[in-house]
Amino acid sequence: MIYHGRTFTSKVSLRDICQAINKYAFVTSPYPVIISAELHLNVKQQDTMADVMMEEFGERLVMVPIERERLQLDKLPSPEQLRFKILLKVCLSLLYS
């Protein structure tokens, strides 16, 4: 479930959110969509989230392996190269339960 703490917003399932993004993301523009998320998840929940996003977004989801020791990108892809792609930017707060 996705929600914003200490607000009057309702909780929505991750799958429903991903389906809505997938359906409407590129209706008016082909350029990339960046999902910015603050996560408070344990490792199992992170795996579930990744599975749902991969299932719902498929090839649209940009997945680039990055080594912890060194970032091996000479340059970032242009918006033109990322047309019809979805990127995920995460701020992670690990839970150990």
PDB file of N, CA and C in Angstrom:
ATOM      1  N   MET A   1       0.840  -1.184   0.000  1.00  0.00           N
ATOM      2  CA  MET A   1       0.000   0.000   0.000  1.00  0.00           C
ATOM      3  C   MET A   1       0.882   1.243   0.000  1.00  0.00           C
ATOM      4  N   ILE A   2       0.440   2.228  -0.752  1.00  0.00           N
ATOM      5  CA  ILE A   2       1.167   3.484  -0.862  1.00  0.00           C
ATOM      6  C   ILE A   2       0.343   4.568  -0.183  1.00  0.00           C
ATOM      7  N   TYR A   3       1.004   5.367   0.633  1.00  0.00           N
ATOM      8  CA  TYR A   3       0.315   6.486   1.258  1.00  0.00           C
ATOM      9  C   TYR A   3       1.337   7.508   1.718  1.00  0.00           C
ATOM     10  N   HIS A   4       0.842   8.697   2.021  1.00  0.00           N
ATOM     11  CA  HIS A   4       1.684   9.775   2.519  1.00  0.00           C
ATOM     12  C   HIS A   4       1.311   9.987   3.972  1.00  0.00           C
ATOM     13  N   GLY A   5       2.260   9.752   4.859  1.00  0.00           N
ATOM     14  CA  GLY A   5       1.985   9.832   6.292  1.00  0.00           C
ATOM     15  C   GLY A   5       1.515  11.197   6.757  1.00  0.00           C
ATOM     16  N   ARG A   6       0.732  11.177   7.796  1.00  0.00           N
ATOM     17  CA  ARG A   6       0.213  12.377   8.451  1.00  0.00           C
ATOM     18  C   ARG A   6      -0.567  13.296   7.514  1.00  0.00           C
ATOM     19  N   THR A   7      -1.273  12.710   6.559  1.00  0.00           N
ATOM     20  CA  THR A   7      -2.139  13.492   5.671  1.00  0.00           C
ATOM     21  C   THR A   7      -3.500  12.815   5.607  1.00  0.00           C
ATOM     22  N   PHE A   8      -4.422  13.447   4.940  1.00  0.00           N
ATOM     23  CA  PHE A   8      -5.763  12.887   4.808  1.00  0.00           C
ATOM     24  C   PHE A   8      -5.932  12.109   3.505  1.00  0.00           C
ATOM     25  N   THR A   9      -4.831  11.753   2.863  1.00  0.00           N
ATOM     26  CA  THR A   9      -4.923  10.993   1.623  1.00  0.00           C
ATOM     27  C   THR A   9      -5.195   9.524   1.944  1.00  0.00           C
ATOM     28  N   SER A  10      -5.873   8.855   1.028  1.00  0.00           N
ATOM     29  CA  SER A  10      -6.171   7.443   1.243  1.00  0.00           C
ATOM     30  C   SER A  10      -5.018   6.574   0.757  1.00  0.00           C
ATOM     31  N   LYS A  11      -5.010   5.331   1.207  1.00  0.00           N
ATOM     32  CA  LYS A  11      -3.996   4.372   0.785  1.00  0.00           C
ATOM     33  C   LYS A  11      -4.414   3.762  -0.553  1.00  0.00           C
ATOM     34  N   VAL A  12      -3.428   3.556  -1.434  1.00  0.00           N
ATOM     35  CA  VAL A  12      -3.677   2.989  -2.760  1.00  0.00           C
ATOM     36  C   VAL A  12      -2.661   1.876  -2.971  1.00  0.00           C
ATOM     37  N   SER A  13      -3.059   0.816  -3.662  1.00  0.00           N
ATOM     38  CA  SER A  13      -2.126  -0.287  -3.892  1.00  0.00           C
ATOM     39  C   SER A  13      -1.055   0.121  -4.903  1.00  0.00           C
ATOM     40  N   LEU A  14       0.137  -0.407  -4.713  1.00  0.00           N
ATOM     41  CA  LEU A  14       1.241  -0.140  -5.632  1.00  0.00           C
ATOM     42  C   LEU A  14       0.870  -0.556  -7.046  1.00  0.00           C
ATOM     43  N   ARG A  15       0.251  -1.705  -7.189  1.00  0.00           N
ATOM     44  CA  ARG A  15      -0.119  -2.192  -8.525  1.00  0.00           C
ATOM     45  C   ARG A  15      -1.083  -1.214  -9.215  1.00  0.00           C
ATOM     46  N   ASP A  16      -2.074  -0.703  -8.477  1.00  0.00           N
ATOM     47  CA  ASP A  16      -3.008   0.265  -9.058  1.00  0.00           C
ATOM     48  C   ASP A  16      -2.279   1.526  -9.518  1.00  0.00           C
ATOM     49  N   ILE A  17      -1.335   1.986  -8.714  1.00  0.00           N
ATOM     50  CA  ILE A  17      -0.563   3.175  -9.077  1.00  0.00           C
ATOM     51  C   ILE A  17       0.264   2.909 -10.330  1.00  0.00           C
ATOM     52  N   CYS A  18       0.937   1.780 -10.377  1.00  0.00           N
ATOM     53  CA  CYS A  18       1.756   1.442 -11.542  1.00  0.00           C
ATOM     54  C   CYS A  18       0.907   1.309 -12.800  1.00  0.00           C
ATOM     55  N   GLN A  19      -0.263   0.713 -12.681  1.00  0.00           N
ATOM     56  CA  GLN A  19      -1.154   0.576 -13.831  1.00  0.00           C
ATOM     57  C   GLN A  19      -1.613   1.940 -14.341  1.00  0.00           C
ATOM     58  N   ALA A  20      -1.927   2.851 -13.434  1.00  0.00           N
ATOM     59  CA  ALA A  20      -2.346   4.196 -13.843  1.00  0.00           C
ATOM     60  C   ALA A  20      -1.194   4.946 -14.517  1.00  0.00           C
ATOM     61  N   ILE A  21      -0.002   4.842 -13.947  1.00  0.00           N
ATOM     62  CA  ILE A  21       1.164   5.485 -14.559  1.00  0.00           C
ATOM     63  C   ILE A  21       1.397   4.911 -15.949  1.00  0.00           C
ATOM     64  N   ASN A  22       1.371   3.605 -16.064  1.00  0.00           N
ATOM     65  CA  ASN A  22       1.612   2.939 -17.340  1.00  0.00           C
ATOM     66  C   ASN A  22       0.579   3.346 -18.395  1.00  0.00           C
ATOM     67  N   LYS A  23      -0.660   3.512 -17.963  1.00  0.00           N
ATOM     68  CA  LYS A  23      -1.739   3.860 -18.898  1.00  0.00           C
ATOM     69  C   LYS A  23      -1.659   5.308 -19.375  1.00  0.00           C
ATOM     70  N   TYR A  24      -1.309   6.241 -18.485  1.00  0.00           N
ATOM     71  CA  TYR A  24      -1.405   7.655 -18.806  1.00  0.00           C
ATOM     72  C   TYR A  24      -0.067   8.390 -18.955  1.00  0.00           C
ATOM     73  N   ALA A  25       1.036   7.738 -18.677  1.00  0.00           N
ATOM     74  CA  ALA A  25       2.337   8.416 -18.637  1.00  0.00           C
ATOM     75  C   ALA A  25       2.702   9.131 -19.928  1.00  0.00           C
ATOM     76  N   PHE A  26       2.364   8.551 -21.048  1.00  0.00           N
ATOM     77  CA  PHE A  26       2.836   9.105 -22.315  1.00  0.00           C
ATOM     78  C   PHE A  26       1.711   9.588 -23.219  1.00  0.00           C
ATOM     79  N   VAL A  27       0.594   9.937 -22.627  1.00  0.00           N
ATOM     80  CA  VAL A  27      -0.545  10.422 -23.399  1.00  0.00           C
ATOM     81  C   VAL A  27      -0.231  11.764 -24.056  1.00  0.00           C
ATOM     82  N   THR A  28       0.419  12.672 -23.321  1.00  0.00           N
ATOM     83  CA  THR A  28       0.682  14.005 -23.876  1.00  0.00           C
ATOM     84  C   THR A  28       2.131  14.230 -24.267  1.00  0.00           C
ATOM     85  N   SER A  29       3.033  13.386 -23.805  1.00  0.00           N
ATOM     86  CA  SER A  29       4.446  13.565 -24.122  1.00  0.00           C
ATOM     87  C   SER A  29       5.147  12.213 -24.136  1.00  0.00           C
ATOM     88  N   PRO A  30       6.071  12.025 -25.076  1.00  0.00           N
ATOM     89  CA  PRO A  30       6.802  10.760 -25.134  1.00  0.00           C
ATOM     90  C   PRO A  30       8.029  10.730 -24.220  1.00  0.00           C
ATOM     91  N   TYR A  31       8.293  11.843 -23.552  1.00  0.00           N
ATOM     92  CA  TYR A  31       9.536  11.932 -22.785  1.00  0.00           C
ATOM     93  C   TYR A  31       9.443  11.209 -21.447  1.00  0.00           C
ATOM     94  N   PRO A  32      10.590  10.880 -20.860  1.00  0.00           N
ATOM     95  CA  PRO A  32      10.614   9.991 -19.695  1.00  0.00           C
ATOM     96  C   PRO A  32       9.832  10.513 -18.496  1.00  0.00           C
ATOM     97  N   VAL A  33       9.296   9.560 -17.763  1.00  0.00           N
ATOM     98  CA  VAL A  33       8.625   9.839 -16.498  1.00  0.00           C
ATOM     99  C   VAL A  33       9.571   9.396 -15.392  1.00  0.00           C
ATOM    100  N   ILE A  34       9.765  10.271 -14.411  1.00  0.00           N
ATOM    101  CA  ILE A  34      10.608   9.939 -13.267  1.00  0.00           C
ATOM    102  C   ILE A  34       9.701   9.794 -12.044  1.00  0.00           C
ATOM    103  N   ILE A  35       9.718   8.611 -11.468  1.00  0.00           N
ATOM    104  CA  ILE A  35       8.970   8.362 -10.237  1.00  0.00           C
ATOM    105  C   ILE A  35       9.935   8.575  -9.085  1.00  0.00           C
ATOM    106  N   SER A  36       9.601   9.501  -8.207  1.00  0.00           N
ATOM    107  CA  SER A  36      10.430   9.778  -7.042  1.00  0.00           C
ATOM    108  C   SER A  36       9.716   9.207  -5.823  1.00  0.00           C
ATOM    109  N   ALA A  37      10.379   8.286  -5.121  1.00  0.00           N
ATOM    110  CA  ALA A  37       9.719   7.591  -4.018  1.00  0.00           C
ATOM    111  C   ALA A  37      10.595   7.560  -2.775  1.00  0.00           C
ATOM    112  N   GLU A  38       9.972   7.758  -1.635  1.00  0.00           N
ATOM    113  CA  GLU A  38      10.640   7.577  -0.345  1.00  0.00           C
ATOM    114  C   GLU A  38      10.107   6.258   0.208  1.00  0.00           C
ATOM    115  N   LEU A  39      10.990   5.299   0.368  1.00  0.00           N
ATOM    116  CA  LEU A  39      10.580   3.958   0.765  1.00  0.00           C
ATOM    117  C   LEU A  39      10.966   3.652   2.199  1.00  0.00           C
ATOM    118  N   HIS A  40      10.040   3.076   2.912  1.00  0.00           N
ATOM    119  CA  HIS A  40      10.281   2.569   4.261  1.00  0.00           C
ATOM    120  C   HIS A  40       9.905   1.089   4.230  1.00  0.00           C
ATOM    121  N   LEU A  41      10.783   0.287   3.633  1.00  0.00           N
ATOM    122  CA  LEU A  41      10.485  -1.116   3.367  1.00  0.00           C
ATOM    123  C   LEU A  41      11.603  -2.022   3.847  1.00  0.00           C
ATOM    124  N   ASN A  42      11.235  -3.229   4.239  1.00  0.00           N
ATOM    125  CA  ASN A  42      12.268  -4.219   4.498  1.00  0.00           C
ATOM    126  C   ASN A  42      12.669  -4.850   3.167  1.00  0.00           C
ATOM    127  N   VAL A  43      13.654  -5.720   3.175  1.00  0.00           N
ATOM    128  CA  VAL A  43      14.183  -6.287   1.936  1.00  0.00           C
ATOM    129  C   VAL A  43      13.118  -7.080   1.181  1.00  0.00           C
ATOM    130  N   LYS A  44      12.310  -7.856   1.884  1.00  0.00           N
ATOM    131  CA  LYS A  44      11.262  -8.639   1.230  1.00  0.00           C
ATOM    132  C   LYS A  44      10.254  -7.717   0.542  1.00  0.00           C
ATOM    133  N   GLN A  45       9.883  -6.638   1.203  1.00  0.00           N
ATOM    134  CA  GLN A  45       8.949  -5.681   0.614  1.00  0.00           C
ATOM    135  C   GLN A  45       9.568  -4.990  -0.610  1.00  0.00           C
ATOM    136  N   GLN A  46      10.865  -4.711  -0.545  1.00  0.00           N
ATOM    137  CA  GLN A  46      11.549  -4.117  -1.699  1.00  0.00           C
ATOM    138  C   GLN A  46      11.502  -5.061  -2.897  1.00  0.00           C
ATOM    139  N   ASP A  47      11.724  -6.354  -2.637  1.00  0.00           N
ATOM    140  CA  ASP A  47      11.657  -7.351  -3.710  1.00  0.00           C
ATOM    141  C   ASP A  47      10.258  -7.398  -4.328  1.00  0.00           C
ATOM    142  N   THR A  48       9.242  -7.339  -3.479  1.00  0.00           N
ATOM    143  CA  THR A  48       7.864  -7.350  -3.962  1.00  0.00           C
ATOM    144  C   THR A  48       7.593  -6.114  -4.814  1.00  0.00           C
ATOM    145  N   MET A  49       8.041  -4.962  -4.346  1.00  0.00           N
ATOM    146  CA  MET A  49       7.854  -3.724  -5.099  1.00  0.00           C
ATOM    147  C   MET A  49       8.523  -3.816  -6.465  1.00  0.00           C
ATOM    148  N   ALA A  50       9.750  -4.314  -6.491  1.00  0.00           N
ATOM    149  CA  ALA A  50      10.478  -4.455  -7.755  1.00  0.00           C
ATOM    150  C   ALA A  50       9.745  -5.408  -8.698  1.00  0.00           C
ATOM    151  N   ASP A  51       9.239  -6.518  -8.171  1.00  0.00           N
ATOM    152  CA  ASP A  51       8.495  -7.477  -8.993  1.00  0.00           C
ATOM    153  C   ASP A  51       7.257  -6.826  -9.616  1.00  0.00           C
ATOM    154  N   VAL A  52       6.501  -6.083  -8.804  1.00  0.00           N
ATOM    155  CA  VAL A  52       5.287  -5.433  -9.306  1.00  0.00           C
ATOM    156  C   VAL A  52       5.646  -4.427 -10.396  1.00  0.00           C
ATOM    157  N   MET A  53       6.672  -3.611 -10.162  1.00  0.00           N
ATOM    158  CA  MET A  53       7.054  -2.604 -11.160  1.00  0.00           C
ATOM    159  C   MET A  53       7.547  -3.242 -12.451  1.00  0.00           C
ATOM    160  N   MET A  54       8.320  -4.308 -12.347  1.00  0.00           N
ATOM    161  CA  MET A  54       8.796  -4.985 -13.555  1.00  0.00           C
ATOM    162  C   MET A  54       7.628  -5.611 -14.315  1.00  0.00           C
ATOM    163  N   GLU A  55       6.665  -6.191 -13.590  1.00  0.00           N
ATOM    164  CA  GLU A  55       5.495  -6.787 -14.242  1.00  0.00           C
ATOM    165  C   GLU A  55       4.656  -5.720 -14.944  1.00  0.00           C
ATOM    166  N   GLU A  56       4.407  -4.610 -14.265  1.00  0.00           N
ATOM    167  CA  GLU A  56       3.509  -3.588 -14.803  1.00  0.00           C
ATOM    168  C   GLU A  56       4.164  -2.717 -15.883  1.00  0.00           C
ATOM    169  N   PHE A  57       5.422  -2.338 -15.702  1.00  0.00           N
ATOM    170  CA  PHE A  57       6.072  -1.429 -16.651  1.00  0.00           C
ATOM    171  C   PHE A  57       6.804  -2.163 -17.770  1.00  0.00           C
ATOM    172  N   GLY A  58       7.199  -3.397 -17.531  1.00  0.00           N
ATOM    173  CA  GLY A  58       7.892  -4.179 -18.559  1.00  0.00           C
ATOM    174  C   GLY A  58       9.118  -3.463 -19.106  1.00  0.00           C
ATOM    175  N   GLU A  59       9.223  -3.403 -20.422  1.00  0.00           N
ATOM    176  CA  GLU A  59      10.383  -2.805 -21.099  1.00  0.00           C
ATOM    177  C   GLU A  59      10.470  -1.296 -20.912  1.00  0.00           C
ATOM    178  N   ARG A  60       9.400  -0.681 -20.443  1.00  0.00           N
ATOM    179  CA  ARG A  60       9.437   0.769 -20.215  1.00  0.00           C
ATOM    180  C   ARG A  60      10.320   1.140 -19.024  1.00  0.00           C
ATOM    181  N   LEU A  61      10.448   0.228 -18.075  1.00  0.00           N
ATOM    182  CA  LEU A  61      11.225   0.499 -16.870  1.00  0.00           C
ATOM    183  C   LEU A  61      12.711   0.425 -17.187  1.00  0.00           C
ATOM    184  N   VAL A  62      13.432   1.506 -16.914  1.00  0.00           N
ATOM    185  CA  VAL A  62      14.875   1.521 -17.156  1.00  0.00           C
ATOM    186  C   VAL A  62      15.558   0.789 -16.012  1.00  0.00           C
ATOM    187  N   MET A  63      16.324  -0.238 -16.391  1.00  0.00           N
ATOM    188  CA  MET A  63      17.051  -1.024 -15.393  1.00  0.00           C
ATOM    189  C   MET A  63      18.495  -1.118 -15.836  1.00  0.00           C
ATOM    190  N   VAL A  64      19.367  -0.374 -15.125  1.00  0.00           N
ATOM    191  CA  VAL A  64      20.784  -0.351 -15.455  1.00  0.00           C
ATOM    192  C   VAL A  64      21.561  -0.826 -14.241  1.00  0.00           C
ATOM    193  N   PRO A  65      22.319  -1.907 -14.387  1.00  0.00           N
ATOM    194  CA  PRO A  65      23.119  -2.338 -13.236  1.00  0.00           C
ATOM    195  C   PRO A  65      24.220  -1.331 -12.944  1.00  0.00           C
ATOM    196  N   ILE A  66      24.334  -0.969 -11.690  1.00  0.00           N
ATOM    197  CA  ILE A  66      25.368  -0.027 -11.264  1.00  0.00           C
ATOM    198  C   ILE A  66      26.174  -0.689 -10.166  1.00  0.00           C
ATOM    199  N   GLU A  67      27.470  -0.751 -10.354  1.00  0.00           N
ATOM    200  CA  GLU A  67      28.347  -1.333  -9.334  1.00  0.00           C
ATOM    201  C   GLU A  67      28.526  -0.340  -8.203  1.00  0.00           C
ATOM    202  N   ARG A  68      28.568  -0.822  -6.981  1.00  0.00           N
ATOM    203  CA  ARG A  68      28.719   0.060  -5.819  1.00  0.00           C
ATOM    204  C   ARG A  68      30.059   0.787  -5.817  1.00  0.00           C
ATOM    205  N   GLU A  69      31.132   0.108  -6.234  1.00  0.00           N
ATOM    206  CA  GLU A  69      32.467   0.698  -6.180  1.00  0.00           C
ATOM    207  C   GLU A  69      32.638   1.846  -7.167  1.00  0.00           C
ATOM    208  N   ARG A  70      32.080   1.700  -8.353  1.00  0.00           N
ATOM    209  CA  ARG A  70      32.295   2.735  -9.364  1.00  0.00           C
ATOM    210  C   ARG A  70      31.104   2.814 -10.307  1.00  0.00           C
ATOM    211  N   LEU A  71      30.742   3.988 -10.599  1.00  0.00           N
ATOM    212  CA  LEU A  71      29.681   4.233 -11.563  1.00  0.00           C
ATOM    213  C   LEU A  71      30.320   4.258 -12.941  1.00  0.00           C
ATOM    214  N   GLN A  72      29.903   3.376 -13.833  1.00  0.00           N
ATOM    215  CA  GLN A  72      30.579   3.237 -15.112  1.00  0.00           C
ATOM    216  C   GLN A  72      29.795   3.850 -16.269  1.00  0.00           C
ATOM    217  N   LEU A  73      29.215   4.987 -16.045  1.00  0.00           N
ATOM    218  CA  LEU A  73      28.532   5.683 -17.125  1.00  0.00           C
ATOM    219  C   LEU A  73      29.404   6.844 -17.576  1.00  0.00           C
ATOM    220  N   ASP A  74      29.762   6.858 -18.859  1.00  0.00           N
ATOM    221  CA  ASP A  74      30.530   7.980 -19.391  1.00  0.00           C
ATOM    222  C   ASP A  74      29.650   9.215 -19.521  1.00  0.00           C
ATOM    223  N   LYS A  75      28.398   8.982 -19.889  1.00  0.00           N
ATOM    224  CA  LYS A  75      27.440  10.085 -19.975  1.00  0.00           C
ATOM    225  C   LYS A  75      26.043   9.523 -19.772  1.00  0.00           C
ATOM    226  N   LEU A  76      25.164  10.377 -19.326  1.00  0.00           N
ATOM    227  CA  LEU A  76      23.789   9.964 -19.105  1.00  0.00           C
ATOM    228  C   LEU A  76      23.038   9.961 -20.428  1.00  0.00           C
ATOM    229  N   PRO A  77      22.026   9.110 -20.552  1.00  0.00           N
ATOM    230  CA  PRO A  77      21.232   9.114 -21.778  1.00  0.00           C
ATOM    231  C   PRO A  77      20.437  10.409 -21.911  1.00  0.00           C
ATOM    232  N   SER A  78      20.192  10.820 -23.126  1.00  0.00           N
ATOM    233  CA  SER A  78      19.427  12.049 -23.380  1.00  0.00           C
ATOM    234  C   SER A  78      17.938  11.755 -23.216  1.00  0.00           C
ATOM    235  N   PRO A  79      17.128  12.812 -23.032  1.00  0.00           N
ATOM    236  CA  PRO A  79      15.678  12.605 -23.002  1.00  0.00           C
ATOM    237  C   PRO A  79      15.172  11.922 -24.278  1.00  0.00           C
ATOM    238  N   GLU A  80      15.800  12.220 -25.383  1.00  0.00           N
ATOM    239  CA  GLU A  80      15.405  11.590 -26.648  1.00  0.00           C
ATOM    240  C   GLU A  80      15.640  10.078 -26.606  1.00  0.00           C
ATOM    241  N   GLN A  81      16.743   9.663 -25.993  1.00  0.00           N
ATOM    242  CA  GLN A  81      17.041   8.230 -25.865  1.00  0.00           C
ATOM    243  C   GLN A  81      16.117   7.542 -24.867  1.00  0.00           C
ATOM    244  N   LEU A  82      15.510   8.324 -23.986  1.00  0.00           N
ATOM    245  CA  LEU A  82      14.642   7.777 -22.943  1.00  0.00           C
ATOM    246  C   LEU A  82      13.157   7.937 -23.254  1.00  0.00           C
ATOM    247  N   ARG A  83      12.839   8.219 -24.510  1.00  0.00           N
ATOM    248  CA  ARG A  83      11.432   8.358 -24.894  1.00  0.00           C
ATOM    249  C   ARG A  83      10.661   7.093 -24.509  1.00  0.00           C
ATOM    250  N   PHE A  84       9.476   7.305 -23.926  1.00  0.00           N
ATOM    251  CA  PHE A  84       8.578   6.217 -23.502  1.00  0.00           C
ATOM    252  C   PHE A  84       9.195   5.315 -22.427  1.00  0.00           C
ATOM    253  N   LYS A  85      10.105   5.862 -21.621  1.00  0.00           N
ATOM    254  CA  LYS A  85      10.736   5.098 -20.540  1.00  0.00           C
ATOM    255  C   LYS A  85      10.308   5.651 -19.184  1.00  0.00           C
ATOM    256  N   ILE A  86      10.374   4.783 -18.183  1.00  0.00           N
ATOM    257  CA  ILE A  86      10.054   5.144 -16.807  1.00  0.00           C
ATOM    258  C   ILE A  86      11.296   4.914 -15.959  1.00  0.00           C
ATOM    259  N   LEU A  87      11.662   5.938 -15.197  1.00  0.00           N
ATOM    260  CA  LEU A  87      12.820   5.855 -14.305  1.00  0.00           C
ATOM    261  C   LEU A  87      12.332   5.941 -12.866  1.00  0.00           C
ATOM    262  N   LEU A  88      13.028   5.267 -11.971  1.00  0.00           N
ATOM    263  CA  LEU A  88      12.674   5.275 -10.556  1.00  0.00           C
ATOM    264  C   LEU A  88      13.831   5.846  -9.761  1.00  0.00           C
ATOM    265  N   LYS A  89      13.548   6.918  -8.995  1.00  0.00           N
ATOM    266  CA  LYS A  89      14.523   7.525  -8.094  1.00  0.00           C
ATOM    267  C   LYS A  89      14.040   7.233  -6.682  1.00  0.00           C
ATOM    268  N   VAL A  90      14.898   6.614  -5.872  1.00  0.00           N
ATOM    269  CA  VAL A  90      14.461   6.142  -4.558  1.00  0.00           C
ATOM    270  C   VAL A  90      15.321   6.723  -3.445  1.00  0.00           C
ATOM    271  N   CYS A  91      14.649   7.149  -2.396  1.00  0.00           N
ATOM    272  CA  CYS A  91      15.282   7.458  -1.122  1.00  0.00           C
ATOM    273  C   CYS A  91      14.859   6.307  -0.216  1.00  0.00           C
ATOM    274  N   LEU A  92      15.824   5.542   0.238  1.00  0.00           N
ATOM    275  CA  LEU A  92      15.513   4.306   0.956  1.00  0.00           C
ATOM    276  C   LEU A  92      15.806   4.446   2.442  1.00  0.00           C
ATOM    277  N   SER A  93      14.837   4.049   3.230  1.00  0.00           N
ATOM    278  CA  SER A  93      14.970   3.973   4.670  1.00  0.00           C
ATOM    279  C   SER A  93      14.725   2.518   5.030  1.00  0.00           C
ATOM    280  N   LEU A  94      15.791   1.756   5.256  1.00  0.00           N
ATOM    281  CA  LEU A  94      15.681   0.303   5.460  1.00  0.00           C
ATOM    282  C   LEU A  94      14.988  -0.049   6.768  1.00  0.00           C
ATOM    283  N   LEU A  95      14.091  -1.010   6.668  1.00  0.00           N
ATOM    284  CA  LEU A  95      13.478  -1.598   7.854  1.00  0.00           C
ATOM    285  C   LEU A  95      14.010  -3.015   7.985  1.00  0.00           C
ATOM    286  N   TYR A  96      14.272  -3.431   9.174  1.00  0.00           N
ATOM    287  CA  TYR A  96      14.883  -4.742   9.392  1.00  0.00           C
ATOM    288  C   TYR A  96      13.937  -5.789   9.935  1.00  0.00           C
ATOM    289  N   SER A  97      12.628  -5.587   9.780  1.00  0.00           N
ATOM    290  CA  SER A  97      11.685  -6.576  10.301  1.00  0.00           C
ATOM    291  C   SER A  97      11.164  -7.469   9.199  1.00  0.00           C
TER     292      SER A  97
END
